[in-house]
PDB file of N, CA and C in Angstrom:
ATOM      1  N   MET A   1     -17.345 -10.321  27.162  1.00  0.00           N
ATOM      2  CA  MET A   1     -17.361  -9.826  25.823  1.00  0.00           C
ATOM      3  C   MET A   1     -16.633 -10.841  24.786  1.00  0.00           C
ATOM      4  N   ILE A   2     -15.747 -11.529  25.161  1.00  0.00           N
ATOM      5  CA  ILE A   2     -15.174 -12.519  24.074  1.00  0.00           C
ATOM      6  C   ILE A   2     -15.962 -13.618  23.766  1.00  0.00           C
ATOM      7  N   GLN A   3     -16.694 -14.189  24.988  1.00  0.00           N
ATOM      8  CA  GLN A   3     -17.581 -15.148  24.691  1.00  0.00           C
ATOM      9  C   GLN A   3     -18.837 -14.583  23.901  1.00  0.00           C
ATOM     10  N   LEU A   4     -19.411 -13.566  24.264  1.00  0.00           N
ATOM     11  CA  LEU A   4     -20.510 -12.875  23.672  1.00  0.00           C
ATOM     12  C   LEU A   4     -20.193 -12.841  22.155  1.00  0.00           C
ATOM     13  N   ALA A   5     -19.109 -12.071  21.653  1.00  0.00           N
ATOM     14  CA  ALA A   5     -18.662 -11.998  20.199  1.00  0.00           C
ATOM     15  C   ALA A   5     -18.725 -13.319  19.705  1.00  0.00           C
ATOM     16  N   SER A   6     -17.884 -14.421  20.301  1.00  0.00           N
ATOM     17  CA  SER A   6     -18.137 -15.725  19.586  1.00  0.00           C
ATOM     18  C   SER A   6     -19.210 -16.198  19.364  1.00  0.00           C
ATOM     19  N   GLN A   7     -20.493 -15.925  20.160  1.00  0.00           N
ATOM     20  CA  GLN A   7     -21.783 -16.424  20.058  1.00  0.00           C
ATOM     21  C   GLN A   7     -22.549 -15.376  18.804  1.00  0.00           C
ATOM     22  N   LEU A   8     -22.080 -14.279  19.032  1.00  0.00           N
ATOM     23  CA  LEU A   8     -22.948 -13.324  17.731  1.00  0.00           C
ATOM     24  C   LEU A   8     -22.188 -13.598  16.272  1.00  0.00           C
ATOM     25  N   PHE A   9     -20.917 -13.845  16.307  1.00  0.00           N
ATOM     26  CA  PHE A   9     -20.296 -13.981  14.876  1.00  0.00           C
ATOM     27  C   PHE A   9     -20.020 -15.539  14.695  1.00  0.00           C
ATOM     28  N   GLY A  10     -20.460 -16.390  15.561  1.00  0.00           N
ATOM     29  CA  GLY A  10     -20.209 -17.812  15.509  1.00  0.00           C
ATOM     30  C   GLY A  10     -20.621 -18.391  13.824  1.00  0.00           C
ATOM     31  N   ASP A  11     -21.581 -17.757  13.210  1.00  0.00           N
ATOM     32  CA  ASP A  11     -22.097 -18.176  12.036  1.00  0.00           C
ATOM     33  C   ASP A  11     -21.485 -17.752  10.700  1.00  0.00           C
ATOM     34  N   LEU A  12     -20.539 -16.790  11.013  1.00  0.00           N
ATOM     35  CA  LEU A  12     -19.830 -16.294   9.854  1.00  0.00           C
ATOM     36  C   LEU A  12     -18.542 -17.003   9.779  1.00  0.00           C
ATOM     37  N   ASP A  13     -17.916 -17.250   8.455  1.00  0.00           N
ATOM     38  CA  ASP A  13     -16.830 -17.836   8.120  1.00  0.00           C
ATOM     39  C   ASP A  13     -15.533 -17.061   8.691  1.00  0.00           C
ATOM     40  N   VAL A  14     -15.265 -16.178   9.424  1.00  0.00           N
ATOM     41  CA  VAL A  14     -14.214 -15.557   9.822  1.00  0.00           C
ATOM     42  C   VAL A  14     -14.034 -15.658  11.396  1.00  0.00           C
ATOM     43  N   THR A  15     -12.892 -15.255  11.690  1.00  0.00           N
ATOM     44  CA  THR A  15     -12.411 -15.170  13.119  1.00  0.00           C
ATOM     45  C   THR A  15     -12.659 -13.849  13.526  1.00  0.00           C
ATOM     46  N   VAL A  16     -13.688 -13.496  14.651  1.00  0.00           N
ATOM     47  CA  VAL A  16     -13.373 -12.283  15.249  1.00  0.00           C
ATOM     48  C   VAL A  16     -12.950 -12.395  16.418  1.00  0.00           C
ATOM     49  N   GLU A  17     -11.931 -11.374  16.712  1.00  0.00           N
ATOM     50  CA  GLU A  17     -11.311 -11.407  18.097  1.00  0.00           C
ATOM     51  C   GLU A  17     -11.484  -9.970  18.808  1.00  0.00           C
ATOM     52  N   VAL A  18     -12.064  -9.988  19.883  1.00  0.00           N
ATOM     53  CA  VAL A  18     -12.533  -9.033  20.633  1.00  0.00           C
ATOM     54  C   VAL A  18     -11.386  -8.919  21.903  1.00  0.00           C
ATOM     55  N   ARG A  19     -10.716  -7.911  22.197  1.00  0.00           N
ATOM     56  CA  ARG A  19      -9.625  -7.679  23.067  1.00  0.00           C
ATOM     57  C   ARG A  19      -9.979  -6.414  23.840  1.00  0.00           C
ATOM     58  N   ASN A  20      -9.778  -6.364  25.106  1.00  0.00           N
ATOM     59  CA  ASN A  20      -9.828  -4.991  25.938  1.00  0.00           C
ATOM     60  C   ASN A  20      -8.503  -4.403  26.148  1.00  0.00           C
ATOM     61  N   GLN A  21      -8.327  -3.463  25.226  1.00  0.00           N
ATOM     62  CA  GLN A  21      -6.979  -3.036  25.221  1.00  0.00           C
ATOM     63  C   GLN A  21      -6.888  -2.189  26.531  1.00  0.00           C
ATOM     64  N   ALA A  22      -7.699  -1.622  27.059  1.00  0.00           N
ATOM     65  CA  ALA A  22      -7.540  -0.998  28.408  1.00  0.00           C
ATOM     66  C   ALA A  22      -7.050  -1.776  29.512  1.00  0.00           C
ATOM     67  N   ARG A  23      -7.144  -3.123  29.377  1.00  0.00           N
ATOM     68  CA  ARG A  23      -6.424  -4.034  30.570  1.00  0.00           C
ATOM     69  C   ARG A  23      -5.071  -4.534  30.319  1.00  0.00           C
ATOM     70  N   VAL A  24      -4.449  -4.213  29.074  1.00  0.00           N
ATOM     71  CA  VAL A  24      -3.028  -4.545  28.560  1.00  0.00           C
ATOM     72  C   VAL A  24      -1.998  -4.440  29.720  1.00  0.00           C
ATOM     73  N   HIS A  25      -2.115  -3.082  30.235  1.00  0.00           N
ATOM     74  CA  HIS A  25      -1.222  -2.687  31.251  1.00  0.00           C
ATOM     75  C   HIS A  25      -1.088  -3.892  32.464  1.00  0.00           C
ATOM     76  N   LEU A  26      -2.212  -4.429  32.827  1.00  0.00           N
ATOM     77  CA  LEU A  26      -2.277  -5.260  33.747  1.00  0.00           C
ATOM     78  C   LEU A  26      -1.504  -6.637  33.616  1.00  0.00           C
ATOM     79  N   TRP A  27      -1.413  -6.867  32.371  1.00  0.00           N
ATOM     80  CA  TRP A  27      -0.726  -8.390  32.148  1.00  0.00           C
ATOM     81  C   TRP A  27       0.369  -8.364  31.240  1.00  0.00           C
ATOM     82  N   SER A  28       0.851  -7.099  30.455  1.00  0.00           N
ATOM     83  CA  SER A  28       1.641  -7.226  29.544  1.00  0.00           C
ATOM     84  C   SER A  28       3.052  -7.533  30.087  1.00  0.00           C
ATOM     85  N   GLU A  29       3.385  -7.135  31.248  1.00  0.00           N
ATOM     86  CA  GLU A  29       4.772  -7.190  31.663  1.00  0.00           C
ATOM     87  C   GLU A  29       4.989  -8.845  32.130  1.00  0.00           C
ATOM     88  N   ARG A  30       3.937  -9.249  32.712  1.00  0.00           N
ATOM     89  CA  ARG A  30       3.904 -10.511  33.077  1.00  0.00           C
ATOM     90  C   ARG A  30       3.888 -11.609  31.889  1.00  0.00           C
ATOM     91  N   ARG A  31       3.306 -11.282  30.752  1.00  0.00           N
ATOM     92  CA  ARG A  31       2.899 -11.879  29.680  1.00  0.00           C
ATOM     93  C   ARG A  31       4.419 -12.073  28.777  1.00  0.00           C
ATOM     94  N   PHE A  32       4.635 -10.650  28.353  1.00  0.00           N
ATOM     95  CA  PHE A  32       5.756 -10.629  27.463  1.00  0.00           C
ATOM     96  C   PHE A  32       7.043  -9.895  27.873  1.00  0.00           C
ATOM     97  N   GLY A  33       6.882  -9.758  29.261  1.00  0.00           N
ATOM     98  CA  GLY A  33       8.322  -9.248  29.908  1.00  0.00           C
ATOM     99  C   GLY A  33       8.492  -7.468  29.497  1.00  0.00           C
ATOM    100  N   LEU A  34       7.409  -6.791  29.176  1.00  0.00           N
ATOM    101  CA  LEU A  34       7.251  -5.432  28.644  1.00  0.00           C
ATOM    102  C   LEU A  34       6.378  -4.694  29.578  1.00  0.00           C
ATOM    103  N   LEU A  35       6.936  -3.704  30.150  1.00  0.00           N
ATOM    104  CA  LEU A  35       6.225  -2.768  30.692  1.00  0.00           C
ATOM    105  C   LEU A  35       5.272  -1.871  29.861  1.00  0.00           C
ATOM    106  N   CYS A  36       4.044  -1.861  30.336  1.00  0.00           N
ATOM    107  CA  CYS A  36       3.088  -1.205  29.351  1.00  0.00           C
ATOM    108  C   CYS A  36       2.317  -0.145  30.223  1.00  0.00           C
ATOM    109  N   LEU A  37       2.426   1.123  29.758  1.00  0.00           N
ATOM    110  CA  LEU A  37       1.619   2.159  30.457  1.00  0.00           C
ATOM    111  C   LEU A  37       0.184   1.960  30.518  1.00  0.00           C
ATOM    112  N   GLU A  38      -0.658   2.310  31.544  1.00  0.00           N
ATOM    113  CA  GLU A  38      -1.930   2.429  31.266  1.00  0.00           C
ATOM    114  C   GLU A  38      -2.576   3.421  30.210  1.00  0.00           C
ATOM    115  N   LEU A  39      -3.457   2.793  29.460  1.00  0.00           N
ATOM    116  CA  LEU A  39      -3.898   3.563  28.307  1.00  0.00           C
ATOM    117  C   LEU A  39      -4.928   4.894  28.911  1.00  0.00           C
ATOM    118  N   THR A  40      -4.848   5.810  28.096  1.00  0.00           N
ATOM    119  CA  THR A  40      -5.676   6.989  28.605  1.00  0.00           C
ATOM    120  C   THR A  40      -6.773   7.130  27.527  1.00  0.00           C
ATOM    121  N   SER A  41      -6.702   6.428  26.555  1.00  0.00           N
ATOM    122  CA  SER A  41      -7.705   6.581  25.494  1.00  0.00           C
ATOM    123  C   SER A  41      -7.666   5.520  24.327  1.00  0.00           C
ATOM    124  N   THR A  42      -9.005   5.275  23.722  1.00  0.00           N
ATOM    125  CA  THR A  42      -8.841   4.242  22.920  1.00  0.00           C
ATOM    126  C   THR A  42      -7.829   4.458  21.708  1.00  0.00           C
ATOM    127  N   ARG A  43      -7.709   5.786  21.327  1.00  0.00           N
ATOM    128  CA  ARG A  43      -6.523   6.061  20.425  1.00  0.00           C
ATOM    129  C   ARG A  43      -5.303   5.614  20.799  1.00  0.00           C
ATOM    130  N   SER A  44      -4.891   5.940  22.317  1.00  0.00           N
ATOM    131  CA  SER A  44      -3.562   5.766  22.568  1.00  0.00           C
ATOM    132  C   SER A  44      -3.415   4.055  22.477  1.00  0.00           C
ATOM    133  N   GLY A  45      -4.332   3.629  22.559  1.00  0.00           N
ATOM    134  CA  GLY A  45      -4.108   2.056  22.393  1.00  0.00           C
ATOM    135  C   GLY A  45      -4.047   1.518  20.968  1.00  0.00           C
ATOM    136  N   ILE A  46      -4.724   2.447  20.259  1.00  0.00           N
ATOM    137  CA  ILE A  46      -4.404   2.019  18.599  1.00  0.00           C
ATOM    138  C   ILE A  46      -3.293   2.401  18.209  1.00  0.00           C
ATOM    139  N   ASP A  47      -2.562   3.557  18.631  1.00  0.00           N
ATOM    140  CA  ASP A  47      -1.317   3.916  18.533  1.00  0.00           C
ATOM    141  C   ASP A  47      -0.111   2.794  18.911  1.00  0.00           C
ATOM    142  N   ARG A  48      -0.576   1.934  19.869  1.00  0.00           N
ATOM    143  CA  ARG A  48       0.383   1.021  20.190  1.00  0.00           C
ATOM    144  C   ARG A  48       0.420  -0.131  19.554  1.00  0.00           C
ATOM    145  N   PHE A  49      -0.477  -0.552  18.560  1.00  0.00           N
ATOM    146  CA  PHE A  49      -0.321  -1.598  17.939  1.00  0.00           C
ATOM    147  C   PHE A  49       0.875  -2.089  17.310  1.00  0.00           C
ATOM    148  N   LEU A  50       1.091  -3.660  17.355  1.00  0.00           N
ATOM    149  CA  LEU A  50       2.525  -3.846  16.680  1.00  0.00           C
ATOM    150  C   LEU A  50       2.582  -3.592  15.222  1.00  0.00           C
ATOM    151  N   ILE A  51       1.571  -3.614  14.588  1.00  0.00           N
ATOM    152  CA  ILE A  51       1.737  -3.640  13.138  1.00  0.00           C
ATOM    153  C   ILE A  51       0.854  -2.293  12.558  1.00  0.00           C
ATOM    154  N   LEU A  52       1.644  -1.253  11.689  1.00  0.00           N
ATOM    155  CA  LEU A  52       1.177  -0.155  11.505  1.00  0.00           C
ATOM    156  C   LEU A  52      -0.070  -0.271  10.803  1.00  0.00           C
ATOM    157  N   ALA A  53      -0.436  -1.243   9.695  1.00  0.00           N
ATOM    158  CA  ALA A  53      -1.467  -1.497   8.852  1.00  0.00           C
ATOM    159  C   ALA A  53      -2.929  -1.668   9.800  1.00  0.00           C
ATOM    160  N   THR A  54      -2.677  -2.234  11.046  1.00  0.00           N
ATOM    161  CA  THR A  54      -3.743  -2.506  12.054  1.00  0.00           C
ATOM    162  C   THR A  54      -3.878  -1.499  12.995  1.00  0.00           C
ATOM    163  N   CYS A  55      -3.415  -0.410  12.883  1.00  0.00           N
ATOM    164  CA  CYS A  55      -3.630   1.054  13.508  1.00  0.00           C
ATOM    165  C   CYS A  55      -4.895   1.719  12.968  1.00  0.00           C
ATOM    166  N   VAL A  56      -6.073   0.834  13.115  1.00  0.00           N
ATOM    167  CA  VAL A  56      -7.365   1.361  12.660  1.00  0.00           C
ATOM    168  C   VAL A  56      -8.520   1.332  13.662  1.00  0.00           C
ATOM    169  N   GLY A  57      -8.990   2.352  13.669  1.00  0.00           N
ATOM    170  CA  GLY A  57     -10.179   2.105  14.753  1.00  0.00           C
ATOM    171  C   GLY A  57     -11.490   2.929  14.095  1.00  0.00           C
ATOM    172  N   ILE A  58     -12.785   2.335  14.370  1.00  0.00           N
ATOM    173  CA  ILE A  58     -13.964   2.942  13.868  1.00  0.00           C
ATOM    174  C   ILE A  58     -14.822   2.838  14.969  1.00  0.00           C
ATOM    175  N   THR A  59     -15.365   4.143  15.226  1.00  0.00           N
ATOM    176  CA  THR A  59     -16.206   4.597  16.353  1.00  0.00           C
ATOM    177  C   THR A  59     -17.469   5.052  16.050  1.00  0.00           C
ATOM    178  N   PRO A  60     -18.590   4.437  16.301  1.00  0.00           N
ATOM    179  CA  PRO A  60     -19.953   4.776  15.893  1.00  0.00           C
ATOM    180  C   PRO A  60     -20.044   6.489  16.694  1.00  0.00           C
ATOM    181  N   VAL A  61     -20.844   7.147  15.669  1.00  0.00           N
ATOM    182  CA  VAL A  61     -21.104   8.386  16.065  1.00  0.00           C
ATOM    183  C   VAL A  61     -22.502   8.900  15.492  1.00  0.00           C
ATOM    184  N   GLY A  62     -23.147   9.713  16.406  1.00  0.00           N
ATOM    185  CA  GLY A  62     -24.558  10.288  15.840  1.00  0.00           C
ATOM    186  C   GLY A  62     -25.584   9.447  15.297  1.00  0.00           C
ATOM    187  N   SER A  63     -26.228   9.468  14.660  1.00  0.00           N
ATOM    188  CA  SER A  63     -27.193   8.428  14.148  1.00  0.00           C
ATOM    189  C   SER A  63     -26.894   7.765  12.874  1.00  0.00           C
ATOM    190  N   GLY A  64     -26.223   6.549  13.251  1.00  0.00           N
ATOM    191  CA  GLY A  64     -25.729   5.566  12.213  1.00  0.00           C
ATOM    192  C   GLY A  64     -24.663   6.269  11.453  1.00  0.00           C
ATOM    193  N   GLY A  65     -23.728   7.141  12.089  1.00  0.00           N
ATOM    194  CA  GLY A  65     -22.342   7.528  11.451  1.00  0.00           C
ATOM    195  C   GLY A  65     -21.395   6.945  12.168  1.00  0.00           C
ATOM    196  N   PHE A  66     -20.283   7.201  11.491  1.00  0.00           N
ATOM    197  CA  PHE A  66     -18.934   6.698  12.183  1.00  0.00           C
ATOM    198  C   PHE A  66     -17.612   7.558  12.070  1.00  0.00           C
ATOM    199  N   GLU A  67     -16.897   7.333  12.796  1.00  0.00           N
ATOM    200  CA  GLU A  67     -15.519   8.094  12.787  1.00  0.00           C
ATOM    201  C   GLU A  67     -14.616   6.994  12.657  1.00  0.00           C
ATOM    202  N   VAL A  68     -13.398   7.389  11.716  1.00  0.00           N
ATOM    203  CA  VAL A  68     -12.403   6.412  11.409  1.00  0.00           C
ATOM    204  C   VAL A  68     -11.144   7.230  11.875  1.00  0.00           C
ATOM    205  N   TYR A  69     -10.299   6.313  12.837  1.00  0.00           N
ATOM    206  CA  TYR A  69      -9.066   6.552  13.232  1.00  0.00           C
ATOM    207  C   TYR A  69      -8.137   5.876  12.677  1.00  0.00           C
ATOM    208  N   ALA A  70      -7.364   6.389  11.704  1.00  0.00           N
ATOM    209  CA  ALA A  70      -6.036   5.738  11.164  1.00  0.00           C
ATOM    210  C   ALA A  70      -4.814   6.428  11.103  1.00  0.00           C
ATOM    211  N   PRO A  71      -4.047   6.675  12.014  1.00  0.00           N
ATOM    212  CA  PRO A  71      -2.929   7.803  12.445  1.00  0.00           C
ATOM    213  C   PRO A  71      -1.790   7.307  11.313  1.00  0.00           C
ATOM    214  N   HIS A  72      -1.875   6.092  10.579  1.00  0.00           N
ATOM    215  CA  HIS A  72      -0.784   6.173   9.504  1.00  0.00           C
ATOM    216  C   HIS A  72      -1.406   5.689   8.238  1.00  0.00           C
ATOM    217  N   GLY A  73      -2.805   6.030   8.011  1.00  0.00           N
ATOM    218  CA  GLY A  73      -3.256   5.939   6.857  1.00  0.00           C
ATOM    219  C   GLY A  73      -3.692   4.496   6.478  1.00  0.00           C
ATOM    220  N   PHE A  74      -3.916   4.353   5.112  1.00  0.00           N
ATOM    221  CA  PHE A  74      -4.483   3.080   4.599  1.00  0.00           C
ATOM    222  C   PHE A  74      -3.703   2.497   3.615  1.00  0.00           C
ATOM    223  N   SER A  75      -2.671   2.912   3.324  1.00  0.00           N
ATOM    224  CA  SER A  75      -1.714   2.497   2.243  1.00  0.00           C
ATOM    225  C   SER A  75      -1.058   1.015   2.529  1.00  0.00           C
ATOM    226  N   ASP A  76      -0.478   0.891   3.892  1.00  0.00           N
ATOM    227  CA  ASP A  76      -0.129  -0.479   4.117  1.00  0.00           C
ATOM    228  C   ASP A  76      -1.358  -1.613   4.391  1.00  0.00           C
ATOM    229  N   LEU A  77      -2.283  -1.047   4.701  1.00  0.00           N
ATOM    230  CA  LEU A  77      -3.608  -2.060   4.890  1.00  0.00           C
ATOM    231  C   LEU A  77      -4.060  -2.392   3.524  1.00  0.00           C
ATOM    232  N   THR A  78      -4.201  -1.442   2.629  1.00  0.00           N
ATOM    233  CA  THR A  78      -4.903  -1.802   1.164  1.00  0.00           C
ATOM    234  C   THR A  78      -3.713  -2.516   0.482  1.00  0.00           C
ATOM    235  N   GLY A  79      -2.290  -2.533   0.788  1.00  0.00           N
ATOM    236  CA  GLY A  79      -1.346  -2.906   0.018  1.00  0.00           C
ATOM    237  C   GLY A  79      -1.043  -4.192   0.428  1.00  0.00           C
ATOM    238  N   GLY A  80      -1.508  -4.807   1.772  1.00  0.00           N
ATOM    239  CA  GLY A  80      -1.136  -6.210   2.256  1.00  0.00           C
ATOM    240  C   GLY A  80       0.474  -6.086   2.909  1.00  0.00           C
ATOM    241  N   LEU A  81       0.618  -4.954   3.546  1.00  0.00           N
ATOM    242  CA  LEU A  81       2.116  -4.721   3.916  1.00  0.00           C
ATOM    243  C   LEU A  81       1.996  -4.710   5.417  1.00  0.00           C
ATOM    244  N   LEU A  82       2.832  -5.525   6.010  1.00  0.00           N
ATOM    245  CA  LEU A  82       3.029  -5.646   7.451  1.00  0.00           C
ATOM    246  C   LEU A  82       4.351  -5.149   7.754  1.00  0.00           C
ATOM    247  N   ARG A  83       4.113  -3.833   8.355  1.00  0.00           N
ATOM    248  CA  ARG A  83       5.355  -2.946   8.645  1.00  0.00           C
ATOM    249  C   ARG A  83       5.569  -2.981  10.316  1.00  0.00           C
ATOM    250  N   PRO A  84       6.462  -3.030  10.902  1.00  0.00           N
ATOM    251  CA  PRO A  84       6.472  -2.826  12.565  1.00  0.00           C
ATOM    252  C   PRO A  84       6.123  -1.311  12.823  1.00  0.00           C
ATOM    253  N   ASN A  85       5.372  -1.193  13.991  1.00  0.00           N
ATOM    254  CA  ASN A  85       5.239   0.310  14.540  1.00  0.00           C
ATOM    255  C   ASN A  85       6.378   0.635  15.313  1.00  0.00           C
ATOM    256  N   PRO A  86       6.990   1.730  14.867  1.00  0.00           N
ATOM    257  CA  PRO A  86       8.134   2.313  15.478  1.00  0.00           C
ATOM    258  C   PRO A  86       8.157   2.330  17.148  1.00  0.00           C
ATOM    259  N   VAL A  87       6.947   2.588  17.715  1.00  0.00           N
ATOM    260  CA  VAL A  87       6.679   2.564  19.047  1.00  0.00           C
ATOM    261  C   VAL A  87       7.011   1.307  19.656  1.00  0.00           C
ATOM    262  N   HIS A  88       7.225   0.226  19.176  1.00  0.00           N
ATOM    263  CA  HIS A  88       7.598  -0.947  19.778  1.00  0.00           C
ATOM    264  C   HIS A  88       9.158  -1.339  19.484  1.00  0.00           C
ATOM    265  N   ARG A  89      10.083  -1.721  20.471  1.00  0.00           N
ATOM    266  CA  ARG A  89      11.262  -2.046  20.035  1.00  0.00           C
ATOM    267  C   ARG A  89      11.464  -3.973  19.797  1.00  0.00           C
ATOM    268  N   ASP A  90      10.638  -4.441  20.047  1.00  0.00           N
ATOM    269  CA  ASP A  90      10.574  -5.897  20.219  1.00  0.00           C
ATOM    270  C   ASP A  90      10.200  -6.515  18.993  1.00  0.00           C
ATOM    271  N   GLN A  91      11.202  -6.780  17.847  1.00  0.00           N
ATOM    272  CA  GLN A  91      11.170  -7.377  16.713  1.00  0.00           C
ATOM    273  C   GLN A  91      10.376  -8.913  16.815  1.00  0.00           C
ATOM    274  N   THR A  92      10.793  -9.534  17.742  1.00  0.00           N
ATOM    275  CA  THR A  92      10.152 -10.863  18.150  1.00  0.00           C
ATOM    276  C   THR A  92       8.713 -10.798  17.943  1.00  0.00           C
ATOM    277  N   LEU A  93       8.301 -10.032  18.941  1.00  0.00           N
ATOM    278  CA  LEU A  93       6.643  -9.815  18.813  1.00  0.00           C
ATOM    279  C   LEU A  93       6.139  -9.364  17.696  1.00  0.00           C
ATOM    280  N   PHE A  94       6.524  -8.601  16.948  1.00  0.00           N
ATOM    281  CA  PHE A  94       6.258  -8.096  15.600  1.00  0.00           C
ATOM    282  C   PHE A  94       5.971  -9.272  14.814  1.00  0.00           C
ATOM    283  N   LEU A  95       7.429  -9.994  14.531  1.00  0.00           N
ATOM    284  CA  LEU A  95       7.377 -11.171  13.627  1.00  0.00           C
ATOM    285  C   LEU A  95       6.237 -12.095  14.008  1.00  0.00           C
ATOM    286  N   ALA A  96       6.375 -12.344  15.402  1.00  0.00           N
ATOM    287  CA  ALA A  96       5.091 -13.468  15.611  1.00  0.00           C
ATOM    288  C   ALA A  96       3.939 -12.914  15.158  1.00  0.00           C
ATOM    289  N   LYS A  97       3.458 -11.861  15.601  1.00  0.00           N
ATOM    290  CA  LYS A  97       2.223 -11.364  15.037  1.00  0.00           C
ATOM    291  C   LYS A  97       2.065 -11.493  13.451  1.00  0.00           C
ATOM    292  N   ALA A  98       3.041 -10.766  12.716  1.00  0.00           N
ATOM    293  CA  ALA A  98       3.094 -10.949  11.296  1.00  0.00           C
ATOM    294  C   ALA A  98       2.874 -12.301  10.734  1.00  0.00           C
ATOM    295  N   ARG A  99       3.663 -13.164  11.272  1.00  0.00           N
ATOM    296  CA  ARG A  99       3.618 -14.450  10.674  1.00  0.00           C
ATOM    297  C   ARG A  99       2.465 -15.237  10.835  1.00  0.00           C
ATOM    298  N   SER A 100       1.618 -14.934  12.215  1.00  0.00           N
ATOM    299  CA  SER A 100       0.144 -15.208  12.128  1.00  0.00           C
ATOM    300  C   SER A 100      -0.647 -14.847  11.256  1.00  0.00           C
ATOM    301  N   TYR A 101      -0.520 -13.644  10.889  1.00  0.00           N
ATOM    302  CA  TYR A 101      -1.343 -13.109   9.885  1.00  0.00           C
ATOM    303  C   TYR A 101      -0.871 -13.702   8.482  1.00  0.00           C
ATOM    304  N   GLN A 102       0.281 -13.750   8.181  1.00  0.00           N
ATOM    305  CA  GLN A 102       0.646 -14.497   6.956  1.00  0.00           C
ATOM    306  C   GLN A 102       0.094 -15.898   7.055  1.00  0.00           C
ATOM    307  N   ALA A 103       0.083 -16.681   8.138  1.00  0.00           N
ATOM    308  CA  ALA A 103      -0.668 -17.901   7.945  1.00  0.00           C
ATOM    309  C   ALA A 103      -1.957 -18.065   7.546  1.00  0.00           C
ATOM    310  N   ARG A 104      -2.726 -16.961   7.957  1.00  0.00           N
ATOM    311  CA  ARG A 104      -4.223 -16.751   7.493  1.00  0.00           C
ATOM    312  C   ARG A 104      -4.438 -16.131   5.915  1.00  0.00           C
ATOM    313  N   TRP A 105      -3.385 -15.266   5.938  1.00  0.00           N
ATOM    314  CA  TRP A 105      -3.518 -14.468   4.681  1.00  0.00           C
ATOM    315  C   TRP A 105      -2.261 -14.395   3.989  1.00  0.00           C
ATOM    316  N   PRO A 106      -2.037 -15.433   3.052  1.00  0.00           N
ATOM    317  CA  PRO A 106      -0.540 -15.616   2.650  1.00  0.00           C
ATOM    318  C   PRO A 106      -0.013 -14.549   1.714  1.00  0.00           C
ATOM    319  N   TRP A 107      -0.855 -13.815   1.274  1.00  0.00           N
ATOM    320  CA  TRP A 107      -0.551 -12.607   0.030  1.00  0.00           C
ATOM    321  C   TRP A 107       0.333 -11.674   0.954  1.00  0.00           C
ATOM    322  N   LEU A 108      -0.025 -11.287   2.128  1.00  0.00           N
ATOM    323  CA  LEU A 108       0.548 -10.347   2.980  1.00  0.00           C
ATOM    324  C   LEU A 108       2.233 -10.372   3.003  1.00  0.00           C
ATOM    325  N   GLN A 109       2.700  -9.250   3.113  1.00  0.00           N
ATOM    326  CA  GLN A 109       4.146  -8.995   2.956  1.00  0.00           C
ATOM    327  C   GLN A 109       4.919  -8.398   3.965  1.00  0.00           C
ATOM    328  N   VAL A 110       5.835  -8.851   4.807  1.00  0.00           N
ATOM    329  CA  VAL A 110       6.585  -8.263   5.822  1.00  0.00           C
ATOM    330  C   VAL A 110       7.701  -7.369   5.120  1.00  0.00           C
ATOM    331  N   VAL A 111       7.608  -6.059   5.704  1.00  0.00           N
ATOM    332  CA  VAL A 111       8.531  -5.058   5.349  1.00  0.00           C
ATOM    333  C   VAL A 111       9.001  -4.200   6.196  1.00  0.00           C
ATOM    334  N   ASP A 112      10.213  -3.564   6.127  1.00  0.00           N
ATOM    335  CA  ASP A 112      10.863  -2.854   6.995  1.00  0.00           C
ATOM    336  C   ASP A 112      11.365  -3.477   8.422  1.00  0.00           C
ATOM    337  N   VAL A 113      11.908  -4.619   8.182  1.00  0.00           N
ATOM    338  CA  VAL A 113      12.621  -5.305   9.385  1.00  0.00           C
ATOM    339  C   VAL A 113      14.033  -5.677   8.980  1.00  0.00           C
ATOM    340  N   ALA A 114      14.742  -5.870  10.303  1.00  0.00           N
ATOM    341  CA  ALA A 114      16.230  -6.118  10.177  1.00  0.00           C
ATOM    342  C   ALA A 114      16.419  -7.212   9.068  1.00  0.00           C
ATOM    343  N   PRO A 115      17.176  -7.261   8.189  1.00  0.00           N
ATOM    344  CA  PRO A 115      17.518  -8.421   7.367  1.00  0.00           C
ATOM    345  C   PRO A 115      17.766  -9.737   8.144  1.00  0.00           C
ATOM    346  N   ASP A 116      18.375  -9.818   9.165  1.00  0.00           N
ATOM    347  CA  ASP A 116      18.552 -10.895  10.043  1.00  0.00           C
ATOM    348  C   ASP A 116      17.394 -11.364  10.630  1.00  0.00           C
ATOM    349  N   GLN A 117      16.254 -10.681  10.782  1.00  0.00           N
ATOM    350  CA  GLN A 117      14.945 -11.195  11.572  1.00  0.00           C
ATOM    351  C   GLN A 117      14.109 -11.772  10.530  1.00  0.00           C
ATOM    352  N   GLU A 118      14.055 -11.651   9.223  1.00  0.00           N
ATOM    353  CA  GLU A 118      13.218 -12.204   8.138  1.00  0.00           C
ATOM    354  C   GLU A 118      13.506 -13.460   8.027  1.00  0.00           C
TER     355      GLU A 118
END
């Protein structure tokens, strides 16, 4: 699916990342040293994203419609704020993700992290 998405979106001037969140529990401990419980739904995966503004999902429904899941709303997303998701205790992972976003979109602001972490 990652390779297919790369081909489908290759002509766009953006990076599209496709990830299978349902498999995170298989490699999370090996890669990050963190045990991750198996996901029971798409929403439970979205609820675990490191950055609150990215906890957003869109599901196609019916004939051309869609449903949006945004458990923390859209204010951080529209405000360009990168805030850690409190379900994660690892500030290092959060900051690495936030810094990678800032490298691409410099206007984003990191908020609500411990002062010694900034």
